[in-house]
């Protein structure tokens, strides 16, 4: 790998620089995991930044779209707990999103007949129409983001990312995108 005058990778990225800086500071440690984890985190942040900016035109955040999309895909009412588990977000974050979306008339809550302490969530017709409008545009944005990267970099990502998330989700008790109680 070519290096610049400071000894950093000439054609590297911010994470390469982090690894080299840490290696200089702590040569007794391996920073190989940092290379994977921080690139995944940085990619996620960049995607969320672009997505949130785009969704602002629809009056939504990515978190709110995730809630609405989960309800649209499910085809049946969901409890706030199952929604939080599916989306891997704290229950308090779901509650805030649900309150905002309900206030805007995009979802409704009904009593859960199986658990009187809980509610079931369903999209309103307005919420379903908004999701149906936003999803094609969001997919076009995501396609455009991926189009900025070289084809060779994108082609091999799906299987390794699936393997990573599957291993981590199994460790949390989540499989196949569905949630299980521990």
C-alpha atoms as a PDB file:
ATOM      1  CA  UNK A   1       0.000   0.000   0.000  1.00  0.00           C
ATOM      2  CA  UNK A   2       1.429   3.402  -0.957  1.00  0.00           C
ATOM      3  CA  UNK A   3       1.803   5.833   1.895  1.00  0.00           C
ATOM      4  CA  UNK A   4       1.846   9.616   2.094  1.00  0.00           C
ATOM      5  CA  UNK A   5       4.507  11.668   3.891  1.00  0.00           C
ATOM      6  CA  UNK A   6       2.872  10.956   7.257  1.00  0.00           C
ATOM      7  CA  UNK A   7       2.897   7.199   6.651  1.00  0.00           C
ATOM      8  CA  UNK A   8      -0.836   6.971   5.998  1.00  0.00           C
ATOM      9  CA  UNK A   9      -2.362   5.014   3.141  1.00  0.00           C
ATOM     10  CA  UNK A  10      -2.286   7.258   0.085  1.00  0.00           C
ATOM     11  CA  UNK A  11      -5.454   5.757  -1.406  1.00  0.00           C
ATOM     12  CA  UNK A  12      -7.111   4.696   1.827  1.00  0.00           C
ATOM     13  CA  UNK A  13     -10.120   6.016   3.655  1.00  0.00           C
ATOM     14  CA  UNK A  14     -10.801   7.543   7.055  1.00  0.00           C
ATOM     15  CA  UNK A  15     -10.927   4.098   8.640  1.00  0.00           C
ATOM     16  CA  UNK A  16      -7.484   3.197   7.278  1.00  0.00           C
ATOM     17  CA  UNK A  17      -6.230   6.363   8.936  1.00  0.00           C
ATOM     18  CA  UNK A  18      -7.929   5.434  12.242  1.00  0.00           C
ATOM     19  CA  UNK A  19      -6.339   1.995  12.172  1.00  0.00           C
ATOM     20  CA  UNK A  20      -2.877   3.393  11.488  1.00  0.00           C
ATOM     21  CA  UNK A  21      -3.217   6.038  14.177  1.00  0.00           C
ATOM     22  CA  UNK A  22      -4.320   3.446  16.743  1.00  0.00           C
ATOM     23  CA  UNK A  23      -1.589   1.056  15.657  1.00  0.00           C
ATOM     24  CA  UNK A  24       0.993   3.781  16.297  1.00  0.00           C
ATOM     25  CA  UNK A  25      -0.517   4.541  19.690  1.00  0.00           C
ATOM     26  CA  UNK A  26      -1.209   0.947  20.735  1.00  0.00           C
ATOM     27  CA  UNK A  27       0.940  -1.476  18.680  1.00  0.00           C
ATOM     28  CA  UNK A  28       0.070  -4.192  21.206  1.00  0.00           C
ATOM     29  CA  UNK A  29      -3.542  -4.359  19.947  1.00  0.00           C
ATOM     30  CA  UNK A  30      -5.119  -5.606  16.732  1.00  0.00           C
ATOM     31  CA  UNK A  31      -7.397  -3.120  15.037  1.00  0.00           C
ATOM     32  CA  UNK A  32      -8.663  -5.377  12.244  1.00  0.00           C
ATOM     33  CA  UNK A  33     -12.216  -5.442  13.648  1.00  0.00           C
ATOM     34  CA  UNK A  34     -12.211  -1.644  13.561  1.00  0.00           C
ATOM     35  CA  UNK A  35     -11.790  -1.876   9.790  1.00  0.00           C
ATOM     36  CA  UNK A  36     -15.063  -3.760   9.385  1.00  0.00           C
ATOM     37  CA  UNK A  37     -17.162  -2.278  12.171  1.00  0.00           C
ATOM     38  CA  UNK A  38     -16.326   1.360  11.516  1.00  0.00           C
ATOM     39  CA  UNK A  39     -16.869   1.025   7.781  1.00  0.00           C
ATOM     40  CA  UNK A  40     -20.305  -0.506   8.419  1.00  0.00           C
ATOM     41  CA  UNK A  41     -21.104   2.301  10.897  1.00  0.00           C
ATOM     42  CA  UNK A  42     -19.854   5.013   8.542  1.00  0.00           C
ATOM     43  CA  UNK A  43     -21.816   3.537   5.628  1.00  0.00           C
ATOM     44  CA  UNK A  44     -24.918   3.429   7.818  1.00  0.00           C
ATOM     45  CA  UNK A  45     -24.488   7.046   8.898  1.00  0.00           C
ATOM     46  CA  UNK A  46     -23.983   8.224   5.333  1.00  0.00           C
ATOM     47  CA  UNK A  47     -27.059   6.329   4.160  1.00  0.00           C
ATOM     48  CA  UNK A  48     -29.161   7.680   7.040  1.00  0.00           C
ATOM     49  CA  UNK A  49     -27.959  11.217   6.389  1.00  0.00           C
ATOM     50  CA  UNK A  50     -28.987  11.044   2.725  1.00  0.00           C
ATOM     51  CA  UNK A  51     -32.227   9.251   3.556  1.00  0.00           C
ATOM     52  CA  UNK A  52     -33.275  11.693   6.282  1.00  0.00           C
ATOM     53  CA  UNK A  53     -32.579  14.673   4.013  1.00  0.00           C
ATOM     54  CA  UNK A  54     -34.668  13.067   1.272  1.00  0.00           C
ATOM     55  CA  UNK A  55     -37.515  12.010   3.581  1.00  0.00           C
ATOM     56  CA  UNK A  56     -37.778  15.495   5.090  1.00  0.00           C
ATOM     57  CA  UNK A  57     -39.633  16.487   1.902  1.00  0.00           C
ATOM     58  CA  UNK A  58     -42.307  13.974   2.923  1.00  0.00           C
ATOM     59  CA  UNK A  59     -42.329  15.135   6.539  1.00  0.00           C
ATOM     60  CA  UNK A  60     -40.760  11.857   7.693  1.00  0.00           C
ATOM     61  CA  UNK A  61     -37.612  10.613   9.325  1.00  0.00           C
ATOM     62  CA  UNK A  62     -36.024   7.291   8.435  1.00  0.00           C
ATOM     63  CA  UNK A  63     -37.183   5.923  11.788  1.00  0.00           C
ATOM     64  CA  UNK A  64     -40.778   6.916  11.057  1.00  0.00           C
ATOM     65  CA  UNK A  65     -40.616   5.394   7.579  1.00  0.00           C
ATOM     66  CA  UNK A  66     -39.276   2.189   9.124  1.00  0.00           C
ATOM     67  CA  UNK A  67     -42.314   2.047  11.443  1.00  0.00           C
ATOM     68  CA  UNK A  68     -44.787   2.755   8.656  1.00  0.00           C
ATOM     69  CA  UNK A  69     -43.067   0.281   6.318  1.00  0.00           C
ATOM     70  CA  UNK A  70     -43.092  -2.486   8.926  1.00  0.00           C
ATOM     71  CA  UNK A  71     -46.814  -1.978   9.444  1.00  0.00           C
ATOM     72  CA  UNK A  72     -47.440  -1.899   5.679  1.00  0.00           C
ATOM     73  CA  UNK A  73     -45.473  -5.104   5.091  1.00  0.00           C
ATOM     74  CA  UNK A  74     -46.946  -7.027   8.005  1.00  0.00           C
ATOM     75  CA  UNK A  75     -50.477  -7.140   6.674  1.00  0.00           C
ATOM     76  CA  UNK A  76     -51.725  -7.458  10.245  1.00  0.00           C
ATOM     77  CA  UNK A  77     -51.709  -5.280  13.362  1.00  0.00           C
ATOM     78  CA  UNK A  78     -48.466  -5.233  15.340  1.00  0.00           C
ATOM     79  CA  UNK A  79     -47.820  -4.504  18.986  1.00  0.00           C
ATOM     80  CA  UNK A  80     -45.361  -1.752  19.874  1.00  0.00           C
ATOM     81  CA  UNK A  81     -43.141  -4.389  21.515  1.00  0.00           C
ATOM     82  CA  UNK A  82     -42.936  -6.575  18.410  1.00  0.00           C
ATOM     83  CA  UNK A  83     -42.317  -3.492  16.293  1.00  0.00           C
ATOM     84  CA  UNK A  84     -39.446  -2.390  18.564  1.00  0.00           C
ATOM     85  CA  UNK A  85     -37.916  -5.871  18.396  1.00  0.00           C
ATOM     86  CA  UNK A  86     -38.237  -6.060  14.630  1.00  0.00           C
ATOM     87  CA  UNK A  87     -36.686  -2.623  14.116  1.00  0.00           C
ATOM     88  CA  UNK A  88     -34.011  -3.105  16.813  1.00  0.00           C
ATOM     89  CA  UNK A  89     -34.861   0.155  18.543  1.00  0.00           C
ATOM     90  CA  UNK A  90     -35.635   0.934  22.176  1.00  0.00           C
ATOM     91  CA  UNK A  91     -39.280   0.845  23.196  1.00  0.00           C
ATOM     92  CA  UNK A  92     -39.082   4.552  24.150  1.00  0.00           C
ATOM     93  CA  UNK A  93     -38.021   5.475  20.601  1.00  0.00           C
ATOM     94  CA  UNK A  94     -40.935   3.489  19.177  1.00  0.00           C
ATOM     95  CA  UNK A  95     -43.354   5.229  21.544  1.00  0.00           C
ATOM     96  CA  UNK A  96     -42.171   8.665  20.406  1.00  0.00           C
ATOM     97  CA  UNK A  97     -42.477   7.687  16.741  1.00  0.00           C
ATOM     98  CA  UNK A  98     -45.913   6.143  17.259  1.00  0.00           C
ATOM     99  CA  UNK A  99     -47.216   9.230  19.039  1.00  0.00           C
ATOM    100  CA  UNK A 100     -45.989  11.496  16.225  1.00  0.00           C
ATOM    101  CA  UNK A 101     -47.359   9.246  13.474  1.00  0.00           C
ATOM    102  CA  UNK A 102     -50.710   8.828  15.228  1.00  0.00           C
ATOM    103  CA  UNK A 103     -51.009  12.603  15.733  1.00  0.00           C
ATOM    104  CA  UNK A 104     -50.544  13.004  11.965  1.00  0.00           C
ATOM    105  CA  UNK A 105     -53.256  10.447  11.239  1.00  0.00           C
ATOM    106  CA  UNK A 106     -50.880   7.888   9.686  1.00  0.00           C
ATOM    107  CA  UNK A 107     -51.574   5.046  12.111  1.00  0.00           C
ATOM    108  CA  UNK A 108     -54.109   4.106  14.734  1.00  0.00           C
ATOM    109  CA  UNK A 109     -54.001   2.111  17.931  1.00  0.00           C
ATOM    110  CA  UNK A 110     -56.578  -0.346  19.126  1.00  0.00           C
ATOM    111  CA  UNK A 111     -56.742  -2.357  22.321  1.00  0.00           C
ATOM    112  CA  UNK A 112     -54.901  -5.667  22.142  1.00  0.00           C
ATOM    113  CA  UNK A 113     -57.458  -8.381  22.958  1.00  0.00           C
ATOM    114  CA  UNK A 114     -54.650 -10.755  23.986  1.00  0.00           C
ATOM    115  CA  UNK A 115     -53.062  -8.239  26.392  1.00  0.00           C
ATOM    116  CA  UNK A 116     -55.125  -5.481  27.962  1.00  0.00           C
ATOM    117  CA  UNK A 117     -51.948  -3.534  28.806  1.00  0.00           C
ATOM    118  CA  UNK A 118     -50.916  -3.314  25.164  1.00  0.00           C
ATOM    119  CA  UNK A 119     -52.224  -1.906  21.925  1.00  0.00           C
ATOM    120  CA  UNK A 120     -52.164  -3.033  18.331  1.00  0.00           C
ATOM    121  CA  UNK A 121     -51.030  -0.728  15.567  1.00  0.00           C
ATOM    122  CA  UNK A 122     -52.466  -0.431  12.072  1.00  0.00           C
ATOM    123  CA  UNK A 123     -51.856   1.986   9.248  1.00  0.00           C
ATOM    124  CA  UNK A 124     -54.625   4.351   8.317  1.00  0.00           C
ATOM    125  CA  UNK A 125     -55.523   4.698   4.649  1.00  0.00           C
ATOM    126  CA  UNK A 126     -53.528   7.939   4.669  1.00  0.00           C
ATOM    127  CA  UNK A 127     -50.517   6.147   6.176  1.00  0.00           C
ATOM    128  CA  UNK A 128     -50.692   3.325   3.640  1.00  0.00           C
ATOM    129  CA  UNK A 129     -50.967   5.826   0.770  1.00  0.00           C
ATOM    130  CA  UNK A 130     -47.938   7.740   2.073  1.00  0.00           C
ATOM    131  CA  UNK A 131     -45.842   4.564   2.310  1.00  0.00           C
ATOM    132  CA  UNK A 132     -46.915   3.558  -1.187  1.00  0.00           C
ATOM    133  CA  UNK A 133     -45.806   6.982  -2.448  1.00  0.00           C
ATOM    134  CA  UNK A 134     -42.529   7.160  -0.528  1.00  0.00           C
ATOM    135  CA  UNK A 135     -41.147   3.642  -0.998  1.00  0.00           C
ATOM    136  CA  UNK A 136     -40.573   3.862  -4.784  1.00  0.00           C
ATOM    137  CA  UNK A 137     -38.853   7.226  -4.335  1.00  0.00           C
ATOM    138  CA  UNK A 138     -36.776   5.915  -1.414  1.00  0.00           C
ATOM    139  CA  UNK A 139     -35.707   2.906  -3.484  1.00  0.00           C
ATOM    140  CA  UNK A 140     -34.646   5.246  -6.296  1.00  0.00           C
ATOM    141  CA  UNK A 141     -32.546   7.218  -3.785  1.00  0.00           C
ATOM    142  CA  UNK A 142     -30.935   4.023  -2.509  1.00  0.00           C
ATOM    143  CA  UNK A 143     -30.245   2.866  -6.072  1.00  0.00           C
ATOM    144  CA  UNK A 144     -28.602   6.242  -6.752  1.00  0.00           C
ATOM    145  CA  UNK A 145     -26.446   5.919  -3.621  1.00  0.00           C
ATOM    146  CA  UNK A 146     -25.261   2.475  -4.700  1.00  0.00           C
ATOM    147  CA  UNK A 147     -24.650   3.718  -8.240  1.00  0.00           C
ATOM    148  CA  UNK A 148     -21.966   6.054  -6.821  1.00  0.00           C
ATOM    149  CA  UNK A 149     -19.866   3.038  -5.825  1.00  0.00           C
ATOM    150  CA  UNK A 150     -17.955   0.795  -8.222  1.00  0.00           C
ATOM    151  CA  UNK A 151     -19.982  -2.190  -9.415  1.00  0.00           C
ATOM    152  CA  UNK A 152     -17.368  -4.652  -8.125  1.00  0.00           C
ATOM    153  CA  UNK A 153     -17.737  -3.209  -4.618  1.00  0.00           C
ATOM    154  CA  UNK A 154     -21.514  -3.666  -4.566  1.00  0.00           C
ATOM    155  CA  UNK A 155     -21.761  -7.092  -6.220  1.00  0.00           C
ATOM    156  CA  UNK A 156     -20.157  -9.005  -3.376  1.00  0.00           C
ATOM    157  CA  UNK A 157     -21.755  -7.219  -0.423  1.00  0.00           C
ATOM    158  CA  UNK A 158     -25.112  -8.936   0.025  1.00  0.00           C
ATOM    159  CA  UNK A 159     -23.960 -12.371   1.156  1.00  0.00           C
ATOM    160  CA  UNK A 160     -21.250 -11.168   3.563  1.00  0.00           C
ATOM    161  CA  UNK A 161     -23.576  -8.561   5.091  1.00  0.00           C
ATOM    162  CA  UNK A 162     -26.325 -11.183   5.432  1.00  0.00           C
ATOM    163  CA  UNK A 163     -23.863 -13.488   7.193  1.00  0.00           C
ATOM    164  CA  UNK A 164     -22.826 -10.712   9.602  1.00  0.00           C
ATOM    165  CA  UNK A 165     -26.330  -9.588  10.473  1.00  0.00           C
ATOM    166  CA  UNK A 166     -27.608 -13.166  10.724  1.00  0.00           C
ATOM    167  CA  UNK A 167     -24.862 -14.104  13.177  1.00  0.00           C
ATOM    168  CA  UNK A 168     -25.465 -11.008  15.287  1.00  0.00           C
ATOM    169  CA  UNK A 169     -29.263 -11.346  15.173  1.00  0.00           C
ATOM    170  CA  UNK A 170     -29.092 -14.996  16.212  1.00  0.00           C
ATOM    171  CA  UNK A 171     -27.047 -13.887  19.190  1.00  0.00           C
ATOM    172  CA  UNK A 172     -29.894 -11.506  20.097  1.00  0.00           C
ATOM    173  CA  UNK A 173     -32.558 -14.161  19.571  1.00  0.00           C
ATOM    174  CA  UNK A 174     -33.749 -12.764  16.226  1.00  0.00           C
ATOM    175  CA  UNK A 175     -33.955 -14.901  13.118  1.00  0.00           C
ATOM    176  CA  UNK A 176     -35.245 -14.382   9.585  1.00  0.00           C
ATOM    177  CA  UNK A 177     -36.235 -10.794  10.382  1.00  0.00           C
ATOM    178  CA  UNK A 178     -38.870 -11.924  12.863  1.00  0.00           C
ATOM    179  CA  UNK A 179     -38.631 -11.353  16.550  1.00  0.00           C
ATOM    180  CA  UNK A 180     -38.648 -13.919  19.312  1.00  0.00           C
ATOM    181  CA  UNK A 181     -39.035 -13.391  23.016  1.00  0.00           C
ATOM    182  CA  UNK A 182     -36.091 -14.547  25.071  1.00  0.00           C
END
